[in-house]
Amino acid sequence: MHATLVLGKQGRLVIPADVRAALGLTPGDQLHLHVDGRRVVLERQQDAAAELRGLASSVPEARSLVDELLAERRLAAAAGE
């Protein structure tokens, strides 16, 4: 699906009705925006969150990334002393 949008005077964009319907967007929905190079990407927040959860799914539950980060910071602090 493709659409051409026009940027309004106050920087607003209107998402066409057929695009909103295809994505299941309703008034009040919050979208996540990020810039990828010279592209602007809009996605539903739940889709962005699901993508992040998918990235973390390969990390074993027994592994603590927080503990690993703390250990790295302690080593760095000890090396600087």
PDB file of N, CA and C in Angstrom:
ATOM      1  N   MET A   1       0.847  -1.168   0.000  1.00  0.00           N
ATOM      2  CA  MET A   1       0.000   0.000   0.000  1.00  0.00           C
ATOM      3  C   MET A   1       0.896   1.236   0.000  1.00  0.00           C
ATOM      4  N   HIS A   2       0.553   2.207  -0.819  1.00  0.00           N
ATOM      5  CA  HIS A   2       1.325   3.442  -0.923  1.00  0.00           C
ATOM      6  C   HIS A   2       0.387   4.631  -0.798  1.00  0.00           C
ATOM      7  N   ALA A   3       0.902   5.718  -0.267  1.00  0.00           N
ATOM      8  CA  ALA A   3       0.133   6.953  -0.167  1.00  0.00           C
ATOM      9  C   ALA A   3       1.098   8.127  -0.183  1.00  0.00           C
ATOM     10  N   THR A   4       0.654   9.238  -0.725  1.00  0.00           N
ATOM     11  CA  THR A   4       1.425  10.468  -0.689  1.00  0.00           C
ATOM     12  C   THR A   4       0.765  11.392   0.324  1.00  0.00           C
ATOM     13  N   LEU A   5       1.539  11.872   1.270  1.00  0.00           N
ATOM     14  CA  LEU A   5       1.024  12.746   2.307  1.00  0.00           C
ATOM     15  C   LEU A   5       1.567  14.159   2.094  1.00  0.00           C
ATOM     16  N   VAL A   6       0.802  15.139   2.517  1.00  0.00           N
ATOM     17  CA  VAL A   6       1.226  16.531   2.425  1.00  0.00           C
ATOM     18  C   VAL A   6       1.426  17.051   3.838  1.00  0.00           C
ATOM     19  N   LEU A   7       2.594  17.620   4.071  1.00  0.00           N
ATOM     20  CA  LEU A   7       2.923  18.182   5.376  1.00  0.00           C
ATOM     21  C   LEU A   7       2.217  19.523   5.528  1.00  0.00           C
ATOM     22  N   GLY A   8       1.373  19.645   6.554  1.00  0.00           N
ATOM     23  CA  GLY A   8       0.631  20.876   6.793  1.00  0.00           C
ATOM     24  C   GLY A   8       1.511  21.966   7.378  1.00  0.00           C
ATOM     25  N   LYS A   9       0.953  23.174   7.462  1.00  0.00           N
ATOM     26  CA  LYS A   9       1.701  24.330   7.953  1.00  0.00           C
ATOM     27  C   LYS A   9       2.220  24.125   9.361  1.00  0.00           C
ATOM     28  N   GLN A  10       1.492  23.404  10.184  1.00  0.00           N
ATOM     29  CA  GLN A  10       1.913  23.180  11.565  1.00  0.00           C
ATOM     30  C   GLN A  10       2.666  21.854  11.728  1.00  0.00           C
ATOM     31  N   GLY A  11       3.121  21.284  10.607  1.00  0.00           N
ATOM     32  CA  GLY A  11       3.897  20.052  10.660  1.00  0.00           C
ATOM     33  C   GLY A  11       3.061  18.798  10.811  1.00  0.00           C
ATOM     34  N   ARG A  12       1.773  18.892  10.556  1.00  0.00           N
ATOM     35  CA  ARG A  12       0.888  17.739  10.732  1.00  0.00           C
ATOM     36  C   ARG A  12       0.716  16.960   9.442  1.00  0.00           C
ATOM     37  N   LEU A  13       0.591  15.650   9.608  1.00  0.00           N
ATOM     38  CA  LEU A  13       0.297  14.742   8.509  1.00  0.00           C
ATOM     39  C   LEU A  13      -1.035  14.071   8.779  1.00  0.00           C
ATOM     40  N   VAL A  14      -1.781  13.805   7.723  1.00  0.00           N
ATOM     41  CA  VAL A  14      -3.028  13.054   7.858  1.00  0.00           C
ATOM     42  C   VAL A  14      -2.809  11.697   7.210  1.00  0.00           C
ATOM     43  N   ILE A  15      -3.040  10.637   7.982  1.00  0.00           N
ATOM     44  CA  ILE A  15      -2.919   9.283   7.459  1.00  0.00           C
ATOM     45  C   ILE A  15      -4.232   8.963   6.752  1.00  0.00           C
ATOM     46  N   PRO A  16      -4.179   8.600   5.462  1.00  0.00           N
ATOM     47  CA  PRO A  16      -5.411   8.324   4.722  1.00  0.00           C
ATOM     48  C   PRO A  16      -6.262   7.246   5.387  1.00  0.00           C
ATOM     49  N   ALA A  17      -7.574   7.373   5.226  1.00  0.00           N
ATOM     50  CA  ALA A  17      -8.525   6.467   5.869  1.00  0.00           C
ATOM     51  C   ALA A  17      -8.274   5.011   5.516  1.00  0.00           C
ATOM     52  N   ASP A  18      -7.951   4.719   4.250  1.00  0.00           N
ATOM     53  CA  ASP A  18      -7.738   3.318   3.872  1.00  0.00           C
ATOM     54  C   ASP A  18      -6.503   2.734   4.545  1.00  0.00           C
ATOM     55  N   VAL A  19      -5.484   3.573   4.772  1.00  0.00           N
ATOM     56  CA  VAL A  19      -4.283   3.111   5.474  1.00  0.00           C
ATOM     57  C   VAL A  19      -4.613   2.880   6.949  1.00  0.00           C
ATOM     58  N   ARG A  20      -5.342   3.823   7.561  1.00  0.00           N
ATOM     59  CA  ARG A  20      -5.756   3.647   8.963  1.00  0.00           C
ATOM     60  C   ARG A  20      -6.573   2.379   9.129  1.00  0.00           C
ATOM     61  N   ALA A  21      -7.488   2.134   8.210  1.00  0.00           N
ATOM     62  CA  ALA A  21      -8.331   0.935   8.295  1.00  0.00           C
ATOM     63  C   ALA A  21      -7.497  -0.333   8.150  1.00  0.00           C
ATOM     64  N   ALA A  22      -6.571  -0.340   7.201  1.00  0.00           N
ATOM     65  CA  ALA A  22      -5.734  -1.529   6.979  1.00  0.00           C
ATOM     66  C   ALA A  22      -4.873  -1.847   8.191  1.00  0.00           C
ATOM     67  N   LEU A  23      -4.464  -0.799   8.921  1.00  0.00           N
ATOM     68  CA  LEU A  23      -3.614  -0.998  10.095  1.00  0.00           C
ATOM     69  C   LEU A  23      -4.405  -1.100  11.394  1.00  0.00           C
ATOM     70  N   GLY A  24      -5.716  -0.906  11.302  1.00  0.00           N
ATOM     71  CA  GLY A  24      -6.548  -0.976  12.505  1.00  0.00           C
ATOM     72  C   GLY A  24      -6.328   0.211  13.425  1.00  0.00           C
ATOM     73  N   LEU A  25      -5.981   1.368  12.861  1.00  0.00           N
ATOM     74  CA  LEU A  25      -5.740   2.559  13.670  1.00  0.00           C
ATOM     75  C   LEU A  25      -7.051   3.272  13.950  1.00  0.00           C
ATOM     76  N   THR A  26      -7.192   3.738  15.170  1.00  0.00           N
ATOM     77  CA  THR A  26      -8.382   4.490  15.559  1.00  0.00           C
ATOM     78  C   THR A  26      -7.946   5.782  16.243  1.00  0.00           C
ATOM     79  N   PRO A  27      -8.830   6.782  16.281  1.00  0.00           N
ATOM     80  CA  PRO A  27      -8.464   8.037  16.940  1.00  0.00           C
ATOM     81  C   PRO A  27      -7.976   7.794  18.365  1.00  0.00           C
ATOM     82  N   GLY A  28      -6.892   8.466  18.719  1.00  0.00           N
ATOM     83  CA  GLY A  28      -6.314   8.318  20.051  1.00  0.00           C
ATOM     84  C   GLY A  28      -5.194   7.293  20.121  1.00  0.00           C
ATOM     85  N   ASP A  29      -5.045   6.454  19.081  1.00  0.00           N
ATOM     86  CA  ASP A  29      -3.942   5.488  19.078  1.00  0.00           C
ATOM     87  C   ASP A  29      -2.616   6.239  19.101  1.00  0.00           C
ATOM     88  N   GLN A  30      -1.649   5.677  19.813  1.00  0.00           N
ATOM     89  CA  GLN A  30      -0.323   6.272  19.853  1.00  0.00           C
ATOM     90  C   GLN A  30       0.579   5.502  18.904  1.00  0.00           C
ATOM     91  N   LEU A  31       1.346   6.251  18.127  1.00  0.00           N
ATOM     92  CA  LEU A  31       2.272   5.659  17.172  1.00  0.00           C
ATOM     93  C   LEU A  31       3.697   5.964  17.597  1.00  0.00           C
ATOM     94  N   HIS A  32       4.590   5.048  17.290  1.00  0.00           N
ATOM     95  CA  HIS A  32       6.015   5.226  17.555  1.00  0.00           C
ATOM     96  C   HIS A  32       6.655   5.730  16.260  1.00  0.00           C
ATOM     97  N   LEU A  33       7.434   6.792  16.342  1.00  0.00           N
ATOM     98  CA  LEU A  33       8.121   7.347  15.183  1.00  0.00           C
ATOM     99  C   LEU A  33       9.615   7.210  15.392  1.00  0.00           C
ATOM    100  N   HIS A  34      10.304   6.736  14.374  1.00  0.00           N
ATOM    101  CA  HIS A  34      11.758   6.792  14.415  1.00  0.00           C
ATOM    102  C   HIS A  34      12.290   7.133  13.029  1.00  0.00           C
ATOM    103  N   VAL A  35      13.480   7.701  13.013  1.00  0.00           N
ATOM    104  CA  VAL A  35      14.114   8.100  11.772  1.00  0.00           C
ATOM    105  C   VAL A  35      15.155   7.048  11.429  1.00  0.00           C
ATOM    106  N   ASP A  36      15.092   6.567  10.200  1.00  0.00           N
ATOM    107  CA  ASP A  36      16.017   5.549   9.706  1.00  0.00           C
ATOM    108  C   ASP A  36      16.712   6.134   8.481  1.00  0.00           C
ATOM    109  N   GLY A  37      17.881   6.716   8.705  1.00  0.00           N
ATOM    110  CA  GLY A  37      18.553   7.427   7.613  1.00  0.00           C
ATOM    111  C   GLY A  37      17.748   8.674   7.276  1.00  0.00           C
ATOM    112  N   ARG A  38      17.250   8.741   6.044  1.00  0.00           N
ATOM    113  CA  ARG A  38      16.407   9.864   5.626  1.00  0.00           C
ATOM    114  C   ARG A  38      14.950   9.439   5.530  1.00  0.00           C
ATOM    115  N   ARG A  39      14.595   8.365   6.193  1.00  0.00           N
ATOM    116  CA  ARG A  39      13.218   7.868   6.198  1.00  0.00           C
ATOM    117  C   ARG A  39      12.587   8.093   7.561  1.00  0.00           C
ATOM    118  N   VAL A  40      11.297   8.374   7.553  1.00  0.00           N
ATOM    119  CA  VAL A  40      10.520   8.475   8.784  1.00  0.00           C
ATOM    120  C   VAL A  40       9.651   7.228   8.839  1.00  0.00           C
ATOM    121  N   VAL A  41       9.741   6.500   9.937  1.00  0.00           N
ATOM    122  CA  VAL A  41       8.980   5.267  10.091  1.00  0.00           C
ATOM    123  C   VAL A  41       7.987   5.443  11.232  1.00  0.00           C
ATOM    124  N   LEU A  42       6.722   5.195  10.948  1.00  0.00           N
ATOM    125  CA  LEU A  42       5.664   5.228  11.962  1.00  0.00           C
ATOM    126  C   LEU A  42       5.169   3.813  12.152  1.00  0.00           C
ATOM    127  N   GLU A  43       5.019   3.403  13.400  1.00  0.00           N
ATOM    128  CA  GLU A  43       4.452   2.086  13.667  1.00  0.00           C
ATOM    129  C   GLU A  43       3.648   2.129  14.954  1.00  0.00           C
ATOM    130  N   ARG A  44       2.686   1.229  15.029  1.00  0.00           N
ATOM    131  CA  ARG A  44       1.884   1.157  16.240  1.00  0.00           C
ATOM    132  C   ARG A  44       2.806   0.792  17.390  1.00  0.00           C
ATOM    133  N   GLN A  45       2.553   1.371  18.558  1.00  0.00           N
ATOM    134  CA  GLN A  45       3.436   1.112  19.701  1.00  0.00           C
ATOM    135  C   GLN A  45       3.495  -0.371  20.037  1.00  0.00           C
ATOM    136  N   GLN A  46       2.351  -1.059  19.951  1.00  0.00           N
ATOM    137  CA  GLN A  46       2.373  -2.481  20.294  1.00  0.00           C
ATOM    138  C   GLN A  46       3.221  -3.278  19.304  1.00  0.00           C
ATOM    139  N   ASP A  47       3.296  -2.830  18.040  1.00  0.00           N
ATOM    140  CA  ASP A  47       4.150  -3.514  17.071  1.00  0.00           C
ATOM    141  C   ASP A  47       5.625  -3.257  17.372  1.00  0.00           C
ATOM    142  N   ALA A  48       5.950  -2.019  17.765  1.00  0.00           N
ATOM    143  CA  ALA A  48       7.332  -1.694  18.126  1.00  0.00           C
ATOM    144  C   ALA A  48       7.754  -2.500  19.351  1.00  0.00           C
ATOM    145  N   ALA A  49       6.859  -2.599  20.335  1.00  0.00           N
ATOM    146  CA  ALA A  49       7.169  -3.368  21.551  1.00  0.00           C
ATOM    147  C   ALA A  49       7.327  -4.845  21.235  1.00  0.00           C
ATOM    148  N   ALA A  50       6.486  -5.360  20.359  1.00  0.00           N
ATOM    149  CA  ALA A  50       6.584  -6.779  19.981  1.00  0.00           C
ATOM    150  C   ALA A  50       7.907  -7.050  19.271  1.00  0.00           C
ATOM    151  N   GLU A  51       8.345  -6.108  18.455  1.00  0.00           N
ATOM    152  CA  GLU A  51       9.628  -6.264  17.764  1.00  0.00           C
ATOM    153  C   GLU A  51      10.773  -6.310  18.771  1.00  0.00           C
ATOM    154  N   LEU A  52      10.730  -5.442  19.778  1.00  0.00           N
ATOM    155  CA  LEU A  52      11.770  -5.452  20.809  1.00  0.00           C
ATOM    156  C   LEU A  52      11.754  -6.748  21.607  1.00  0.00           C
ATOM    157  N   ARG A  53      10.547  -7.224  21.937  1.00  0.00           N
ATOM    158  CA  ARG A  53      10.460  -8.507  22.652  1.00  0.00           C
ATOM    159  C   ARG A  53      11.040  -9.631  21.807  1.00  0.00           C
ATOM    160  N   GLY A  54      10.810  -9.571  20.498  1.00  0.00           N
ATOM    161  CA  GLY A  54      11.357 -10.583  19.601  1.00  0.00           C
ATOM    162  C   GLY A  54      12.875 -10.575  19.597  1.00  0.00           C
ATOM    163  N   LEU A  55      13.463  -9.386  19.654  1.00  0.00           N
ATOM    164  CA  LEU A  55      14.920  -9.287  19.689  1.00  0.00           C
ATOM    165  C   LEU A  55      15.481  -9.903  20.961  1.00  0.00           C
ATOM    166  N   ALA A  56      14.764  -9.755  22.058  1.00  0.00           N
ATOM    167  CA  ALA A  56      15.242 -10.267  23.346  1.00  0.00           C
ATOM    168  C   ALA A  56      14.897 -11.742  23.544  1.00  0.00           C
ATOM    169  N   SER A  57      14.092 -12.319  22.664  1.00  0.00           N
ATOM    170  CA  SER A  57      13.656 -13.703  22.871  1.00  0.00           C
ATOM    171  C   SER A  57      14.800 -14.705  22.777  1.00  0.00           C
ATOM    172  N   SER A  58      15.900 -14.317  22.119  1.00  0.00           N
ATOM    173  CA  SER A  58      17.028 -15.244  22.000  1.00  0.00           C
ATOM    174  C   SER A  58      17.905 -15.266  23.250  1.00  0.00           C
ATOM    175  N   VAL A  59      17.644 -14.360  24.189  1.00  0.00           N
ATOM    176  CA  VAL A  59      18.426 -14.316  25.426  1.00  0.00           C
ATOM    177  C   VAL A  59      17.824 -15.318  26.411  1.00  0.00           C
ATOM    178  N   PRO A  60      18.620 -16.284  26.885  1.00  0.00           N
ATOM    179  CA  PRO A  60      18.089 -17.261  27.835  1.00  0.00           C
ATOM    180  C   PRO A  60      17.563 -16.593  29.103  1.00  0.00           C
ATOM    181  N   GLU A  61      16.475 -17.124  29.653  1.00  0.00           N
ATOM    182  CA  GLU A  61      15.870 -16.519  30.845  1.00  0.00           C
ATOM    183  C   GLU A  61      16.814 -16.525  32.039  1.00  0.00           C
ATOM    184  N   ALA A  62      17.714 -17.504  32.089  1.00  0.00           N
ATOM    185  CA  ALA A  62      18.643 -17.604  33.215  1.00  0.00           C
ATOM    186  C   ALA A  62      19.746 -16.548  33.135  1.00  0.00           C
ATOM    187  N   ARG A  63      19.902 -15.911  31.990  1.00  0.00           N
ATOM    188  CA  ARG A  63      20.946 -14.902  31.809  1.00  0.00           C
ATOM    189  C   ARG A  63      20.431 -13.541  32.266  1.00  0.00           C
ATOM    190  N   SER A  64      21.209 -12.865  33.079  1.00  0.00           N
ATOM    191  CA  SER A  64      20.836 -11.538  33.560  1.00  0.00           C
ATOM    192  C   SER A  64      21.726 -10.494  32.905  1.00  0.00           C
ATOM    193  N   LEU A  65      21.138  -9.751  31.968  1.00  0.00           N
ATOM    194  CA  LEU A  65      21.903  -8.702  31.298  1.00  0.00           C
ATOM    195  C   LEU A  65      22.279  -7.594  32.272  1.00  0.00           C
ATOM    196  N   VAL A  66      21.454  -7.364  33.273  1.00  0.00           N
ATOM    197  CA  VAL A  66      21.751  -6.354  34.294  1.00  0.00           C
ATOM    198  C   VAL A  66      22.990  -6.768  35.081  1.00  0.00           C
ATOM    199  N   ASP A  67      23.033  -8.026  35.511  1.00  0.00           N
ATOM    200  CA  ASP A  67      24.199  -8.508  36.252  1.00  0.00           C
ATOM    201  C   ASP A  67      25.461  -8.418  35.402  1.00  0.00           C
ATOM    202  N   GLU A  68      25.350  -8.743  34.112  1.00  0.00           N
ATOM    203  CA  GLU A  68      26.508  -8.659  33.227  1.00  0.00           C
ATOM    204  C   GLU A  68      26.994  -7.217  33.091  1.00  0.00           C
ATOM    205  N   LEU A  69      26.065  -6.290  32.948  1.00  0.00           N
ATOM    206  CA  LEU A  69      26.437  -4.884  32.837  1.00  0.00           C
ATOM    207  C   LEU A  69      27.112  -4.396  34.112  1.00  0.00           C
ATOM    208  N   LEU A  70      26.544  -4.758  35.260  1.00  0.00           N
ATOM    209  CA  LEU A  70      27.149  -4.360  36.538  1.00  0.00           C
ATOM    210  C   LEU A  70      28.555  -4.926  36.691  1.00  0.00           C
ATOM    211  N   ALA A  71      28.746  -6.171  36.295  1.00  0.00           N
ATOM    212  CA  ALA A  71      30.072  -6.787  36.382  1.00  0.00           C
ATOM    213  C   ALA A  71      31.068  -6.048  35.486  1.00  0.00           C
ATOM    214  N   GLU A  72      30.625  -5.696  34.265  1.00  0.00           N
ATOM    215  CA  GLU A  72      31.500  -4.950  33.359  1.00  0.00           C
ATOM    216  C   GLU A  72      31.873  -3.596  33.950  1.00  0.00           C
ATOM    217  N   ARG A  73      30.895  -2.911  34.535  1.00  0.00           N
ATOM    218  CA  ARG A  73      31.160  -1.595  35.121  1.00  0.00           C
ATOM    219  C   ARG A  73      32.105  -1.697  36.305  1.00  0.00           C
ATOM    220  N   ARG A  74      31.943  -2.753  37.123  1.00  0.00           N
ATOM    221  CA  ARG A  74      32.834  -2.939  38.272  1.00  0.00           C
ATOM    222  C   ARG A  74      34.265  -3.184  37.804  1.00  0.00           C
ATOM    223  N   LEU A  75      34.419  -4.009  36.761  1.00  0.00           N
ATOM    224  CA  LEU A  75      35.766  -4.262  36.225  1.00  0.00           C
ATOM    225  C   LEU A  75      36.387  -2.980  35.689  1.00  0.00           C
ATOM    226  N   ALA A  76      35.589  -2.183  34.972  1.00  0.00           N
ATOM    227  CA  ALA A  76      36.096  -0.936  34.420  1.00  0.00           C
ATOM    228  C   ALA A  76      36.485   0.016  35.533  1.00  0.00           C
ATOM    229  N   ALA A  77      35.700   0.078  36.597  1.00  0.00           N
ATOM    230  CA  ALA A  77      35.994   0.966  37.724  1.00  0.00           C
ATOM    231  C   ALA A  77      37.257   0.508  38.437  1.00  0.00           C
ATOM    232  N   ALA A  78      37.417  -0.817  38.611  1.00  0.00           N
ATOM    233  CA  ALA A  78      38.588  -1.344  39.289  1.00  0.00           C
ATOM    234  C   ALA A  78      39.849  -1.092  38.460  1.00  0.00           C
ATOM    235  N   ALA A  79      39.735  -1.176  37.152  1.00  0.00           N
ATOM    236  CA  ALA A  79      40.886  -0.950  36.274  1.00  0.00           C
ATOM    237  C   ALA A  79      41.297   0.521  36.291  1.00  0.00           C
ATOM    238  N   GLY A  80      40.351   1.402  36.530  1.00  0.00           N
ATOM    239  CA  GLY A  80      40.648   2.837  36.546  1.00  0.00           C
ATOM    240  C   GLY A  80      41.202   3.321  37.861  1.00  0.00           C
ATOM    241  N   GLU A  81      41.185   2.490  38.894  1.00  0.00           N
ATOM    242  CA  GLU A  81      41.665   2.913  40.203  1.00  0.00           C
ATOM    243  C   GLU A  81      43.157   2.798  40.330  1.00  0.00           C
TER     244      GLU A  81
END
